[in-house]
Amino acid sequence: MGTLHQQEQRGKPTRLRGYRIRIWYQGQYASDLSSPFLWAPEPHLPPEWEATKNNPNMVKAILIRSGKPFEQFTRSPASAYQKPGQSSRE
């Protein structure tokens, strides 16, 4: 009886999902197929994904889950060359 009560207190176990991130910098293919797995509890995405999207040198990134593209982020190549605070219409 005590074991059942302990399981109820713990609740549902946290499920971890494995992700990989493929990144392109300025038209060059940067990451390879053997990029490491990133683990995050479901339904959250790994914090490295937000950091990748905030990287000004990155042109394209794909978050892969279960071997399939899960989310994609693309930045125009021209904006990757700009310095922070500079507008594209100068």
PDB file of N, CA and C in Angstrom:
ATOM      1  N   MET A   1       0.826  -1.186   0.000  1.00  0.00           N
ATOM      2  CA  MET A   1       0.000   0.000   0.000  1.00  0.00           C
ATOM      3  C   MET A   1       0.870   1.249   0.000  1.00  0.00           C
ATOM      4  N   GLY A   2       1.978   1.228   0.718  1.00  0.00           N
ATOM      5  CA  GLY A   2       2.864   2.386   0.749  1.00  0.00           C
ATOM      6  C   GLY A   2       3.493   2.672  -0.607  1.00  0.00           C
ATOM      7  N   THR A   3       3.777   1.637  -1.396  1.00  0.00           N
ATOM      8  CA  THR A   3       4.383   1.811  -2.712  1.00  0.00           C
ATOM      9  C   THR A   3       3.440   2.543  -3.653  1.00  0.00           C
ATOM     10  N   LEU A   4       2.161   2.168  -3.634  1.00  0.00           N
ATOM     11  CA  LEU A   4       1.176   2.831  -4.496  1.00  0.00           C
ATOM     12  C   LEU A   4       1.065   4.307  -4.136  1.00  0.00           C
ATOM     13  N   HIS A   5       1.056   4.590  -2.838  1.00  0.00           N
ATOM     14  CA  HIS A   5       0.966   5.979  -2.388  1.00  0.00           C
ATOM     15  C   HIS A   5       2.189   6.786  -2.845  1.00  0.00           C
ATOM     16  N   GLN A   6       3.373   6.189  -2.796  1.00  0.00           N
ATOM     17  CA  GLN A   6       4.583   6.889  -3.246  1.00  0.00           C
ATOM     18  C   GLN A   6       4.517   7.185  -4.744  1.00  0.00           C
ATOM     19  N   GLN A   7       3.996   6.270  -5.542  1.00  0.00           N
ATOM     20  CA  GLN A   7       3.888   6.495  -6.980  1.00  0.00           C
ATOM     21  C   GLN A   7       2.929   7.631  -7.279  1.00  0.00           C
ATOM     22  N   GLU A   8       1.840   7.734  -6.516  1.00  0.00           N
ATOM     23  CA  GLU A   8       0.887   8.824  -6.718  1.00  0.00           C
ATOM     24  C   GLU A   8       1.529  10.168  -6.407  1.00  0.00           C
ATOM     25  N   GLN A   9       2.372  10.232  -5.393  1.00  0.00           N
ATOM     26  CA  GLN A   9       3.025  11.482  -5.019  1.00  0.00           C
ATOM     27  C   GLN A   9       4.005  11.937  -6.093  1.00  0.00           C
ATOM     28  N   ARG A  10       4.715  11.015  -6.684  1.00  0.00           N
ATOM     29  CA  ARG A  10       5.709  11.365  -7.703  1.00  0.00           C
ATOM     30  C   ARG A  10       5.058  11.889  -8.970  1.00  0.00           C
ATOM     31  N   GLY A  11       3.870  11.411  -9.271  1.00  0.00           N
ATOM     32  CA  GLY A  11       3.198  11.844 -10.491  1.00  0.00           C
ATOM     33  C   GLY A  11       3.750  11.136 -11.714  1.00  0.00           C
ATOM     34  N   LYS A  12       3.422  11.688 -12.845  1.00  0.00           N
ATOM     35  CA  LYS A  12       3.843  11.099 -14.115  1.00  0.00           C
ATOM     36  C   LYS A  12       5.334  11.363 -14.340  1.00  0.00           C
ATOM     37  N   PRO A  13       6.082  10.356 -14.791  1.00  0.00           N
ATOM     38  CA  PRO A  13       7.508  10.589 -15.042  1.00  0.00           C
ATOM     39  C   PRO A  13       7.709  11.559 -16.211  1.00  0.00           C
ATOM     40  N   THR A  14       8.758  12.355 -16.129  1.00  0.00           N
ATOM     41  CA  THR A  14       9.071  13.326 -17.176  1.00  0.00           C
ATOM     42  C   THR A  14       9.669  12.595 -18.370  1.00  0.00           C
ATOM     43  N   ARG A  15       9.127  12.860 -19.544  1.00  0.00           N
ATOM     44  CA  ARG A  15       9.642  12.238 -20.758  1.00  0.00           C
ATOM     45  C   ARG A  15      10.642  13.180 -21.411  1.00  0.00           C
ATOM     46  N   LEU A  16      11.821  12.675 -21.683  1.00  0.00           N
ATOM     47  CA  LEU A  16      12.837  13.471 -22.366  1.00  0.00           C
ATOM     48  C   LEU A  16      12.790  13.173 -23.856  1.00  0.00           C
ATOM     49  N   ARG A  17      12.966  14.204 -24.683  1.00  0.00           N
ATOM     50  CA  ARG A  17      13.029  14.044 -26.125  1.00  0.00           C
ATOM     51  C   ARG A  17      14.433  14.410 -26.588  1.00  0.00           C
ATOM     52  N   GLY A  18      14.901  13.709 -27.602  1.00  0.00           N
ATOM     53  CA  GLY A  18      16.209  13.996 -28.178  1.00  0.00           C
ATOM     54  C   GLY A  18      16.068  14.856 -29.421  1.00  0.00           C
ATOM     55  N   TYR A  19      16.905  15.862 -29.539  1.00  0.00           N
ATOM     56  CA  TYR A  19      16.890  16.792 -30.673  1.00  0.00           C
ATOM     57  C   TYR A  19      18.291  16.926 -31.235  1.00  0.00           C
ATOM     58  N   ARG A  20      18.374  17.299 -32.486  1.00  0.00           N
ATOM     59  CA  ARG A  20      19.628  17.699 -33.119  1.00  0.00           C
ATOM     60  C   ARG A  20      19.374  19.018 -33.835  1.00  0.00           C
ATOM     61  N   ILE A  21      20.409  19.819 -33.950  1.00  0.00           N
ATOM     62  CA  ILE A  21      20.283  21.095 -34.651  1.00  0.00           C
ATOM     63  C   ILE A  21      21.271  21.098 -35.811  1.00  0.00           C
ATOM     64  N   ARG A  22      20.787  21.362 -37.021  1.00  0.00           N
ATOM     65  CA  ARG A  22      21.642  21.517 -38.205  1.00  0.00           C
ATOM     66  C   ARG A  22      21.709  23.009 -38.498  1.00  0.00           C
ATOM     67  N   ILE A  23      22.914  23.537 -38.706  1.00  0.00           N
ATOM     68  CA  ILE A  23      23.118  24.985 -38.844  1.00  0.00           C
ATOM     69  C   ILE A  23      23.905  25.297 -40.110  1.00  0.00           C
ATOM     70  N   TRP A  24      23.498  26.361 -40.793  1.00  0.00           N
ATOM     71  CA  TRP A  24      24.232  26.895 -41.943  1.00  0.00           C
ATOM     72  C   TRP A  24      24.680  28.318 -41.611  1.00  0.00           C
ATOM     73  N   TYR A  25      25.968  28.583 -41.860  1.00  0.00           N
ATOM     74  CA  TYR A  25      26.521  29.924 -41.665  1.00  0.00           C
ATOM     75  C   TYR A  25      26.924  30.494 -43.019  1.00  0.00           C
ATOM     76  N   GLN A  26      26.390  31.617 -43.396  1.00  0.00           N
ATOM     77  CA  GLN A  26      26.799  32.346 -44.603  1.00  0.00           C
ATOM     78  C   GLN A  26      26.966  31.433 -45.822  1.00  0.00           C
ATOM     79  N   GLY A  27      26.017  30.549 -46.067  1.00  0.00           N
ATOM     80  CA  GLY A  27      26.053  29.687 -47.240  1.00  0.00           C
ATOM     81  C   GLY A  27      26.908  28.445 -47.088  1.00  0.00           C
ATOM     82  N   GLN A  28      27.578  28.276 -45.978  1.00  0.00           N
ATOM     83  CA  GLN A  28      28.389  27.087 -45.755  1.00  0.00           C
ATOM     84  C   GLN A  28      27.632  26.127 -44.852  1.00  0.00           C
ATOM     85  N   TYR A  29      27.772  24.871 -45.118  1.00  0.00           N
ATOM     86  CA  TYR A  29      27.139  23.853 -44.293  1.00  0.00           C
ATOM     87  C   TYR A  29      28.031  23.620 -43.073  1.00  0.00           C
ATOM     88  N   ALA A  30      27.514  23.936 -41.899  1.00  0.00           N
ATOM     89  CA  ALA A  30      28.365  23.919 -40.704  1.00  0.00           C
ATOM     90  C   ALA A  30      28.266  22.647 -39.874  1.00  0.00           C
ATOM     91  N   SER A  31      27.094  22.101 -39.727  1.00  0.00           N
ATOM     92  CA  SER A  31      26.969  20.933 -38.859  1.00  0.00           C
ATOM     93  C   SER A  31      26.865  19.661 -39.686  1.00  0.00           C
ATOM     94  N   ASP A  32      27.231  18.558 -39.095  1.00  0.00           N
ATOM     95  CA  ASP A  32      27.193  17.294 -39.821  1.00  0.00           C
ATOM     96  C   ASP A  32      26.163  16.355 -39.212  1.00  0.00           C
ATOM     97  N   LEU A  33      26.047  15.188 -39.796  1.00  0.00           N
ATOM     98  CA  LEU A  33      25.049  14.217 -39.335  1.00  0.00           C
ATOM     99  C   LEU A  33      25.332  13.687 -37.942  1.00  0.00           C
ATOM    100  N   SER A  34      26.561  13.803 -37.492  1.00  0.00           N
ATOM    101  CA  SER A  34      26.906  13.272 -36.172  1.00  0.00           C
ATOM    102  C   SER A  34      26.850  14.339 -35.076  1.00  0.00           C
ATOM    103  N   SER A  35      26.067  15.403 -35.290  1.00  0.00           N
ATOM    104  CA  SER A  35      25.944  16.419 -34.246  1.00  0.00           C
ATOM    105  C   SER A  35      25.331  15.774 -33.006  1.00  0.00           C
ATOM    106  N   PRO A  36      25.710  16.239 -31.819  1.00  0.00           N
ATOM    107  CA  PRO A  36      25.265  15.571 -30.595  1.00  0.00           C
ATOM    108  C   PRO A  36      23.769  15.762 -30.348  1.00  0.00           C
ATOM    109  N   PHE A  37      23.184  14.817 -29.607  1.00  0.00           N
ATOM    110  CA  PHE A  37      21.785  14.952 -29.217  1.00  0.00           C
ATOM    111  C   PHE A  37      21.675  15.968 -28.097  1.00  0.00           C
ATOM    112  N   LEU A  38      20.608  16.728 -28.116  1.00  0.00           N
ATOM    113  CA  LEU A  38      20.261  17.635 -27.034  1.00  0.00           C
ATOM    114  C   LEU A  38      19.001  17.065 -26.398  1.00  0.00           C
ATOM    115  N   TRP A  39      18.949  17.020 -25.092  1.00  0.00           N
ATOM    116  CA  TRP A  39      17.814  16.424 -24.405  1.00  0.00           C
ATOM    117  C   TRP A  39      17.030  17.504 -23.694  1.00  0.00           C
ATOM    118  N   ALA A  40      15.704  17.443 -23.825  1.00  0.00           N
ATOM    119  CA  ALA A  40      14.833  18.410 -23.155  1.00  0.00           C
ATOM    120  C   ALA A  40      13.549  17.696 -22.734  1.00  0.00           C
ATOM    121  N   PRO A  41      13.011  18.050 -21.556  1.00  0.00           N
ATOM    122  CA  PRO A  41      11.746  17.435 -21.130  1.00  0.00           C
ATOM    123  C   PRO A  41      10.605  17.920 -22.019  1.00  0.00           C
ATOM    124  N   GLU A  42       9.750  16.988 -22.402  1.00  0.00           N
ATOM    125  CA  GLU A  42       8.617  17.338 -23.252  1.00  0.00           C
ATOM    126  C   GLU A  42       7.636  18.177 -22.457  1.00  0.00           C
ATOM    127  N   PRO A  43       7.016  19.213 -22.959  1.00  0.00           N
ATOM    128  CA  PRO A  43       6.958  19.697 -24.330  1.00  0.00           C
ATOM    129  C   PRO A  43       7.953  20.815 -24.638  1.00  0.00           C
ATOM    130  N   HIS A  44       8.956  21.030 -23.800  1.00  0.00           N
ATOM    131  CA  HIS A  44       9.897  22.131 -23.987  1.00  0.00           C
ATOM    132  C   HIS A  44      10.933  21.811 -25.054  1.00  0.00           C
ATOM    133  N   LEU A  45      11.437  22.861 -25.706  1.00  0.00           N
ATOM    134  CA  LEU A  45      12.534  22.715 -26.662  1.00  0.00           C
ATOM    135  C   LEU A  45      13.842  22.986 -25.937  1.00  0.00           C
ATOM    136  N   PRO A  46      14.954  22.443 -26.446  1.00  0.00           N
ATOM    137  CA  PRO A  46      16.237  22.680 -25.770  1.00  0.00           C
ATOM    138  C   PRO A  46      16.608  24.163 -25.813  1.00  0.00           C
ATOM    139  N   PRO A  47      17.215  24.703 -24.750  1.00  0.00           N
ATOM    140  CA  PRO A  47      17.582  26.124 -24.728  1.00  0.00           C
ATOM    141  C   PRO A  47      18.590  26.484 -25.820  1.00  0.00           C
ATOM    142  N   GLU A  48      19.349  25.505 -26.304  1.00  0.00           N
ATOM    143  CA  GLU A  48      20.312  25.763 -27.380  1.00  0.00           C
ATOM    144  C   GLU A  48      19.610  26.204 -28.660  1.00  0.00           C
ATOM    145  N   TRP A  49      18.340  25.821 -28.833  1.00  0.00           N
ATOM    146  CA  TRP A  49      17.594  26.220 -30.030  1.00  0.00           C
ATOM    147  C   TRP A  49      17.385  27.735 -30.046  1.00  0.00           C
ATOM    148  N   GLU A  50      16.994  28.323 -28.937  1.00  0.00           N
ATOM    149  CA  GLU A  50      16.819  29.782 -28.862  1.00  0.00           C
ATOM    150  C   GLU A  50      18.156  30.485 -29.049  1.00  0.00           C
ATOM    151  N   ALA A  51      19.211  29.941 -28.463  1.00  0.00           N
ATOM    152  CA  ALA A  51      20.537  30.541 -28.615  1.00  0.00           C
ATOM    153  C   ALA A  51      20.976  30.497 -30.076  1.00  0.00           C
ATOM    154  N   THR A  52      20.663  29.414 -30.774  1.00  0.00           N
ATOM    155  CA  THR A  52      21.015  29.299 -32.190  1.00  0.00           C
ATOM    156  C   THR A  52      20.270  30.332 -33.009  1.00  0.00           C
ATOM    157  N   LYS A  53      18.975  30.518 -32.738  1.00  0.00           N
ATOM    158  CA  LYS A  53      18.182  31.498 -33.491  1.00  0.00           C
ATOM    159  C   LYS A  53      18.653  32.927 -33.235  1.00  0.00           C
ATOM    160  N   ASN A  54      19.232  33.180 -32.062  1.00  0.00           N
ATOM    161  CA  ASN A  54      19.717  34.524 -31.724  1.00  0.00           C
ATOM    162  C   ASN A  54      21.130  34.794 -32.229  1.00  0.00           C
ATOM    163  N   ASN A  55      21.797  33.799 -32.783  1.00  0.00           N
ATOM    164  CA  ASN A  55      23.151  33.967 -33.302  1.00  0.00           C
ATOM    165  C   ASN A  55      23.098  34.760 -34.610  1.00  0.00           C
ATOM    166  N   PRO A  56      23.682  35.962 -34.681  1.00  0.00           N
ATOM    167  CA  PRO A  56      23.586  36.795 -35.897  1.00  0.00           C
ATOM    168  C   PRO A  56      24.350  36.227 -37.090  1.00  0.00           C
ATOM    169  N   ASN A  57      25.275  35.297 -36.888  1.00  0.00           N
ATOM    170  CA  ASN A  57      26.046  34.726 -37.997  1.00  0.00           C
ATOM    171  C   ASN A  57      25.356  33.537 -38.656  1.00  0.00           C
ATOM    172  N   MET A  58      24.279  33.057 -38.069  1.00  0.00           N
ATOM    173  CA  MET A  58      23.565  31.899 -38.581  1.00  0.00           C
ATOM    174  C   MET A  58      22.567  32.339 -39.656  1.00  0.00           C
ATOM    175  N   VAL A  59      22.547  31.605 -40.779  1.00  0.00           N
ATOM    176  CA  VAL A  59      21.620  31.911 -41.871  1.00  0.00           C
ATOM    177  C   VAL A  59      20.397  31.002 -41.816  1.00  0.00           C
ATOM    178  N   LYS A  60      20.606  29.718 -41.524  1.00  0.00           N
ATOM    179  CA  LYS A  60      19.503  28.760 -41.491  1.00  0.00           C
ATOM    180  C   LYS A  60      19.782  27.713 -40.426  1.00  0.00           C
ATOM    181  N   ALA A  61      18.723  27.301 -39.738  1.00  0.00           N
ATOM    182  CA  ALA A  61      18.850  26.243 -38.734  1.00  0.00           C
ATOM    183  C   ALA A  61      17.598  25.383 -38.761  1.00  0.00           C
ATOM    184  N   ILE A  62      17.792  24.089 -38.593  1.00  0.00           N
ATOM    185  CA  ILE A  62      16.679  23.152 -38.541  1.00  0.00           C
ATOM    186  C   ILE A  62      16.801  22.338 -37.259  1.00  0.00           C
ATOM    187  N   LEU A  63      15.724  22.313 -36.505  1.00  0.00           N
ATOM    188  CA  LEU A  63      15.652  21.487 -35.305  1.00  0.00           C
ATOM    189  C   LEU A  63      15.047  20.151 -35.714  1.00  0.00           C
ATOM    190  N   ILE A  64      15.759  19.070 -35.431  1.00  0.00           N
ATOM    191  CA  ILE A  64      15.335  17.734 -35.851  1.00  0.00           C
ATOM    192  C   ILE A  64      14.921  16.934 -34.621  1.00  0.00           C
ATOM    193  N   ARG A  65      13.729  16.330 -34.706  1.00  0.00           N
ATOM    194  CA  ARG A  65      13.233  15.462 -33.641  1.00  0.00           C
ATOM    195  C   ARG A  65      12.777  14.155 -34.280  1.00  0.00           C
ATOM    196  N   SER A  66      13.190  13.045 -33.741  1.00  0.00           N
ATOM    197  CA  SER A  66      12.844  11.715 -34.263  1.00  0.00           C
ATOM    198  C   SER A  66      13.257  11.550 -35.718  1.00  0.00           C
ATOM    199  N   GLY A  67      14.376  12.162 -36.097  1.00  0.00           N
ATOM    200  CA  GLY A  67      14.905  12.017 -37.443  1.00  0.00           C
ATOM    201  C   GLY A  67      14.209  12.849 -38.498  1.00  0.00           C
ATOM    202  N   LYS A  68      13.243  13.684 -38.112  1.00  0.00           N
ATOM    203  CA  LYS A  68      12.492  14.499 -39.074  1.00  0.00           C
ATOM    204  C   LYS A  68      12.577  15.969 -38.684  1.00  0.00           C
ATOM    205  N   PRO A  69      12.585  16.879 -39.677  1.00  0.00           N
ATOM    206  CA  PRO A  69      12.581  18.306 -39.345  1.00  0.00           C
ATOM    207  C   PRO A  69      11.362  18.649 -38.492  1.00  0.00           C
ATOM    208  N   PHE A  70      11.613  19.292 -37.374  1.00  0.00           N
ATOM    209  CA  PHE A  70      10.546  19.635 -36.440  1.00  0.00           C
ATOM    210  C   PHE A  70      10.230  21.123 -36.505  1.00  0.00           C
ATOM    211  N   GLU A  71      11.265  21.940 -36.582  1.00  0.00           N
ATOM    212  CA  GLU A  71      11.099  23.397 -36.659  1.00  0.00           C
ATOM    213  C   GLU A  71      12.259  23.956 -37.467  1.00  0.00           C
ATOM    214  N   GLN A  72      12.001  25.030 -38.218  1.00  0.00           N
ATOM    215  CA  GLN A  72      13.047  25.632 -39.053  1.00  0.00           C
ATOM    216  C   GLN A  72      13.070  27.137 -38.832  1.00  0.00           C
ATOM    217  N   PHE A  73      14.266  27.700 -38.863  1.00  0.00           N
ATOM    218  CA  PHE A  73      14.440  29.150 -38.740  1.00  0.00           C
ATOM    219  C   PHE A  73      15.368  29.593 -39.856  1.00  0.00           C
ATOM    220  N   THR A  74      14.961  30.638 -40.590  1.00  0.00           N
ATOM    221  CA  THR A  74      15.776  31.158 -41.694  1.00  0.00           C
ATOM    222  C   THR A  74      15.916  32.667 -41.541  1.00  0.00           C
ATOM    223  N   ARG A  75      17.120  33.142 -41.756  1.00  0.00           N
ATOM    224  CA  ARG A  75      17.412  34.583 -41.737  1.00  0.00           C
ATOM    225  C   ARG A  75      17.989  34.921 -43.096  1.00  0.00           C
ATOM    226  N   SER A  76      17.630  36.082 -43.642  1.00  0.00           N
ATOM    227  CA  SER A  76      18.180  36.456 -44.947  1.00  0.00           C
ATOM    228  C   SER A  76      19.691  36.644 -44.827  1.00  0.00           C
ATOM    229  N   PRO A  77      20.466  36.184 -45.825  1.00  0.00           N
ATOM    230  CA  PRO A  77      21.927  36.304 -45.746  1.00  0.00           C
ATOM    231  C   PRO A  77      22.390  37.742 -45.554  1.00  0.00           C
ATOM    232  N   ALA A  78      21.673  38.708 -46.122  1.00  0.00           N
ATOM    233  CA  ALA A  78      22.078  40.113 -45.991  1.00  0.00           C
ATOM    234  C   ALA A  78      22.026  40.555 -44.530  1.00  0.00           C
ATOM    235  N   SER A  79      21.015  40.120 -43.782  1.00  0.00           N
ATOM    236  CA  SER A  79      20.912  40.537 -42.380  1.00  0.00           C
ATOM    237  C   SER A  79      22.006  39.901 -41.526  1.00  0.00           C
ATOM    238  N   ALA A  80      22.557  38.785 -41.966  1.00  0.00           N
ATOM    239  CA  ALA A  80      23.639  38.151 -41.216  1.00  0.00           C
ATOM    240  C   ALA A  80      24.925  38.963 -41.319  1.00  0.00           C
ATOM    241  N   TYR A  81      25.090  39.729 -42.391  1.00  0.00           N
ATOM    242  CA  TYR A  81      26.293  40.545 -42.572  1.00  0.00           C
ATOM    243  C   TYR A  81      26.204  41.878 -41.849  1.00  0.00           C
ATOM    244  N   GLN A  82      25.019  42.314 -41.463  1.00  0.00           N
ATOM    245  CA  GLN A  82      24.854  43.621 -40.834  1.00  0.00           C
ATOM    246  C   GLN A  82      25.375  43.626 -39.412  1.00  0.00           C
ATOM    247  N   LYS A  83      25.846  44.797 -39.024  1.00  0.00           N
ATOM    248  CA  LYS A  83      26.265  44.976 -37.637  1.00  0.00           C
ATOM    249  C   LYS A  83      25.021  45.315 -36.822  1.00  0.00           C
ATOM    250  N   PRO A  84      24.988  44.962 -35.544  1.00  0.00           N
ATOM    251  CA  PRO A  84      23.835  45.296 -34.706  1.00  0.00           C
ATOM    252  C   PRO A  84      23.563  46.793 -34.722  1.00  0.00           C
ATOM    253  N   GLY A  85      22.294  47.154 -34.827  1.00  0.00           N
ATOM    254  CA  GLY A  85      21.897  48.560 -34.848  1.00  0.00           C
ATOM    255  C   GLY A  85      21.938  49.195 -36.239  1.00  0.00           C
ATOM    256  N   GLN A  86      22.348  48.453 -37.245  1.00  0.00           N
ATOM    257  CA  GLN A  86      22.440  48.980 -38.608  1.00  0.00           C
ATOM    258  C   GLN A  86      21.194  48.541 -39.370  1.00  0.00           C
ATOM    259  N   SER A  87      20.574  49.466 -40.109  1.00  0.00           N
ATOM    260  CA  SER A  87      19.385  49.084 -40.873  1.00  0.00           C
ATOM    261  C   SER A  87      19.800  48.681 -42.291  1.00  0.00           C
ATOM    262  N   SER A  88      18.934  47.926 -42.935  1.00  0.00           N
ATOM    263  CA  SER A  88      19.250  47.440 -44.294  1.00  0.00           C
ATOM    264  C   SER A  88      18.973  48.497 -45.354  1.00  0.00           C
ATOM    265  N   ARG A  89      18.363  49.637 -45.001  1.00  0.00           N
ATOM    266  CA  ARG A  89      18.048  50.673 -45.987  1.00  0.00           C
ATOM    267  C   ARG A  89      18.955  51.881 -45.895  1.00  0.00           C
ATOM    268  N   GLU A  90      20.169  51.748 -45.452  1.00  0.00           N
ATOM    269  CA  GLU A  90      21.093  52.899 -45.327  1.00  0.00           C
ATOM    270  C   GLU A  90      21.743  53.208 -46.644  1.00  0.00           C
TER     271      GLU A  90
END
